[in-house]
N, C-alpha and C. Protein backbone atom coordinates (compact mmCIF):
# COMPACT_ATOMS: atom_id res chain seq x y z
N MET A 1 -38.24 62.81 -94.21
CA MET A 1 -37.06 62.24 -93.62
C MET A 1 -37.12 61.90 -92.22
N LYS A 2 -37.82 62.80 -91.46
CA LYS A 2 -38.07 62.61 -90.02
C LYS A 2 -38.90 61.40 -89.75
N SER A 3 -39.91 61.15 -90.63
CA SER A 3 -40.75 59.93 -90.41
C SER A 3 -40.10 58.72 -90.67
N SER A 4 -39.10 58.68 -91.53
CA SER A 4 -38.27 57.41 -91.75
C SER A 4 -37.47 57.10 -90.55
N VAL A 5 -36.95 58.12 -89.85
CA VAL A 5 -36.15 57.85 -88.65
C VAL A 5 -37.06 57.33 -87.51
N MET A 6 -38.31 57.91 -87.42
CA MET A 6 -39.17 57.41 -86.40
C MET A 6 -39.61 55.93 -86.78
N ASN A 7 -39.81 55.60 -88.06
CA ASN A 7 -40.18 54.35 -88.38
C ASN A 7 -39.02 53.32 -88.03
N LYS A 8 -37.81 53.71 -88.30
CA LYS A 8 -36.72 52.87 -87.88
C LYS A 8 -36.72 52.60 -86.39
N MET A 9 -36.92 53.68 -85.60
CA MET A 9 -37.01 53.59 -84.15
C MET A 9 -38.13 52.61 -83.79
N ARG A 10 -39.26 52.73 -84.43
CA ARG A 10 -40.49 51.87 -84.08
C ARG A 10 -40.16 50.39 -84.41
N GLU A 11 -39.45 50.18 -85.59
CA GLU A 11 -39.18 48.78 -86.06
C GLU A 11 -38.12 48.20 -85.12
N TRP A 12 -37.07 48.94 -84.73
CA TRP A 12 -35.94 48.32 -84.01
C TRP A 12 -36.04 48.53 -82.57
N GLY A 13 -36.82 49.37 -82.11
CA GLY A 13 -36.93 49.57 -80.67
C GLY A 13 -37.37 48.46 -79.86
N PHE A 14 -38.48 47.85 -80.27
CA PHE A 14 -39.02 46.74 -79.51
C PHE A 14 -38.10 45.59 -79.47
N PRO A 15 -37.59 45.08 -80.61
CA PRO A 15 -36.73 43.92 -80.54
C PRO A 15 -35.46 44.17 -79.72
N VAL A 16 -34.87 45.43 -79.78
CA VAL A 16 -33.63 45.72 -79.02
C VAL A 16 -34.02 45.75 -77.56
N ILE A 17 -35.06 46.24 -77.13
CA ILE A 17 -35.56 46.16 -75.72
C ILE A 17 -35.70 44.81 -75.24
N VAL A 18 -36.40 43.93 -76.03
CA VAL A 18 -36.62 42.55 -75.70
C VAL A 18 -35.32 41.75 -75.56
N ILE A 19 -34.39 42.00 -76.43
CA ILE A 19 -33.17 41.30 -76.33
C ILE A 19 -32.31 41.77 -75.19
N ALA A 20 -32.32 43.07 -74.92
CA ALA A 20 -31.63 43.63 -73.70
C ALA A 20 -32.20 43.05 -72.49
N ALA A 21 -33.58 42.99 -72.37
CA ALA A 21 -34.24 42.47 -71.15
C ALA A 21 -33.84 40.89 -70.99
N TRP A 22 -33.84 40.22 -72.10
CA TRP A 22 -33.48 38.84 -71.98
C TRP A 22 -32.08 38.64 -71.49
N PHE A 23 -31.17 39.50 -72.06
CA PHE A 23 -29.80 39.42 -71.63
C PHE A 23 -29.69 39.71 -70.15
N LEU A 24 -30.23 40.79 -69.66
CA LEU A 24 -30.18 41.17 -68.30
C LEU A 24 -30.77 40.02 -67.35
N GLY A 25 -31.88 39.38 -67.81
CA GLY A 25 -32.44 38.28 -67.05
C GLY A 25 -31.56 37.11 -67.00
N PHE A 26 -30.87 36.88 -68.18
CA PHE A 26 -29.91 35.68 -68.20
C PHE A 26 -28.77 35.96 -67.26
N ALA A 27 -28.25 37.15 -67.41
CA ALA A 27 -27.11 37.51 -66.45
C ALA A 27 -27.46 37.42 -64.97
N TYR A 28 -28.61 37.86 -64.65
CA TYR A 28 -29.06 37.81 -63.25
C TYR A 28 -29.19 36.37 -62.83
N THR A 29 -29.86 35.49 -63.70
CA THR A 29 -29.95 34.07 -63.43
C THR A 29 -28.60 33.40 -63.16
N LEU A 30 -27.63 33.67 -64.03
CA LEU A 30 -26.30 33.17 -63.89
C LEU A 30 -25.58 33.58 -62.51
N ALA A 31 -25.79 34.92 -62.26
CA ALA A 31 -25.30 35.34 -60.95
C ALA A 31 -25.89 34.61 -59.71
N ARG A 32 -27.15 34.45 -59.80
CA ARG A 32 -27.83 33.75 -58.69
C ARG A 32 -27.41 32.25 -58.66
N LEU A 33 -27.31 31.64 -59.76
CA LEU A 33 -26.76 30.20 -59.78
C LEU A 33 -25.43 30.14 -59.26
N GLY A 34 -24.57 31.01 -59.53
CA GLY A 34 -23.15 31.01 -59.04
C GLY A 34 -23.21 31.13 -57.55
N GLU A 35 -24.05 32.01 -57.03
CA GLU A 35 -24.20 32.24 -55.59
C GLU A 35 -24.72 30.97 -54.89
N ALA A 36 -25.68 30.35 -55.54
CA ALA A 36 -26.21 29.14 -54.91
C ALA A 36 -25.18 28.06 -54.87
N HIS A 37 -24.39 27.97 -55.94
CA HIS A 37 -23.35 26.95 -56.01
C HIS A 37 -22.34 27.11 -54.91
N ARG A 38 -21.91 28.31 -54.76
CA ARG A 38 -20.88 28.62 -53.71
C ARG A 38 -21.51 28.22 -52.32
N THR A 39 -22.82 28.56 -52.05
CA THR A 39 -23.44 28.30 -50.80
C THR A 39 -23.58 26.80 -50.57
N HIS A 40 -23.93 26.10 -51.63
CA HIS A 40 -24.09 24.67 -51.59
C HIS A 40 -22.71 23.95 -51.38
N SER A 41 -21.70 24.38 -52.06
CA SER A 41 -20.38 23.78 -51.95
C SER A 41 -19.86 24.01 -50.43
N ALA A 42 -20.10 25.20 -49.89
CA ALA A 42 -19.62 25.48 -48.50
C ALA A 42 -20.44 24.52 -47.50
N ALA A 43 -21.66 24.41 -47.79
CA ALA A 43 -22.45 23.47 -46.94
C ALA A 43 -22.04 22.04 -47.02
N ALA A 44 -21.73 21.64 -48.19
CA ALA A 44 -21.32 20.25 -48.46
C ALA A 44 -19.91 20.03 -47.82
N VAL A 45 -19.03 20.90 -47.84
CA VAL A 45 -17.70 20.76 -47.20
C VAL A 45 -17.99 20.70 -45.66
N ALA A 46 -18.85 21.53 -45.16
CA ALA A 46 -19.03 21.51 -43.72
C ALA A 46 -19.68 20.22 -43.28
N ALA A 47 -20.55 19.65 -44.06
CA ALA A 47 -21.16 18.42 -43.76
C ALA A 47 -20.28 17.23 -43.73
N GLN A 48 -19.22 17.31 -44.55
CA GLN A 48 -18.29 16.19 -44.68
C GLN A 48 -17.04 16.37 -43.79
N ALA A 49 -17.04 17.42 -43.04
CA ALA A 49 -15.90 17.63 -42.11
C ALA A 49 -15.91 16.58 -41.02
N PRO A 50 -14.87 16.06 -40.57
CA PRO A 50 -14.88 15.02 -39.53
C PRO A 50 -15.38 15.67 -38.18
N ALA A 51 -16.18 14.79 -37.56
CA ALA A 51 -16.78 15.32 -36.28
C ALA A 51 -15.75 15.34 -35.16
N GLN A 52 -15.76 16.31 -34.36
CA GLN A 52 -14.83 16.47 -33.26
C GLN A 52 -15.13 15.35 -32.23
N PRO A 53 -14.12 14.59 -31.73
CA PRO A 53 -14.36 13.59 -30.76
C PRO A 53 -14.78 14.21 -29.46
N VAL A 54 -15.71 13.53 -28.77
CA VAL A 54 -16.13 13.92 -27.54
C VAL A 54 -15.16 13.56 -26.45
N PRO A 55 -14.59 14.51 -25.64
CA PRO A 55 -13.67 14.08 -24.72
C PRO A 55 -14.24 13.30 -23.54
N ALA A 56 -13.50 12.28 -23.06
CA ALA A 56 -13.97 11.48 -21.95
C ALA A 56 -14.25 12.30 -20.71
N SER A 57 -15.18 11.94 -20.02
CA SER A 57 -15.56 12.65 -18.79
C SER A 57 -14.54 12.27 -17.68
N PRO A 58 -14.07 13.21 -16.88
CA PRO A 58 -13.12 12.89 -15.92
C PRO A 58 -13.81 12.20 -14.70
N TYR A 59 -15.18 12.23 -14.64
CA TYR A 59 -15.82 11.64 -13.54
C TYR A 59 -16.37 10.32 -13.93
N VAL A 60 -16.37 9.38 -13.01
CA VAL A 60 -16.87 8.00 -13.18
C VAL A 60 -18.23 7.91 -12.52
N ALA A 61 -19.21 7.52 -13.23
CA ALA A 61 -20.48 7.35 -12.67
C ALA A 61 -20.52 6.03 -11.86
N SER A 62 -21.09 6.07 -10.75
CA SER A 62 -21.17 4.90 -9.76
C SER A 62 -22.62 4.72 -9.34
N ALA A 63 -22.99 3.55 -9.26
CA ALA A 63 -24.37 3.22 -8.73
C ALA A 63 -24.30 2.89 -7.32
N GLU A 64 -23.30 3.14 -6.61
CA GLU A 64 -23.16 2.69 -5.15
C GLU A 64 -23.89 3.71 -4.26
């Protein structure tokens, strides 16, 4: 009886571990992609923001 339980663990252990590792890797990848998307979106919004106008200098340059 005990050997049949061990055989089941040997048969199912590896596939379960592989699927769990794949799932964790997929979740990690999605999390990193979401973070990259937020970073890129913030940078794109900042790049499209209107530039602040440069105020006119109160001094007039003269060549005299």
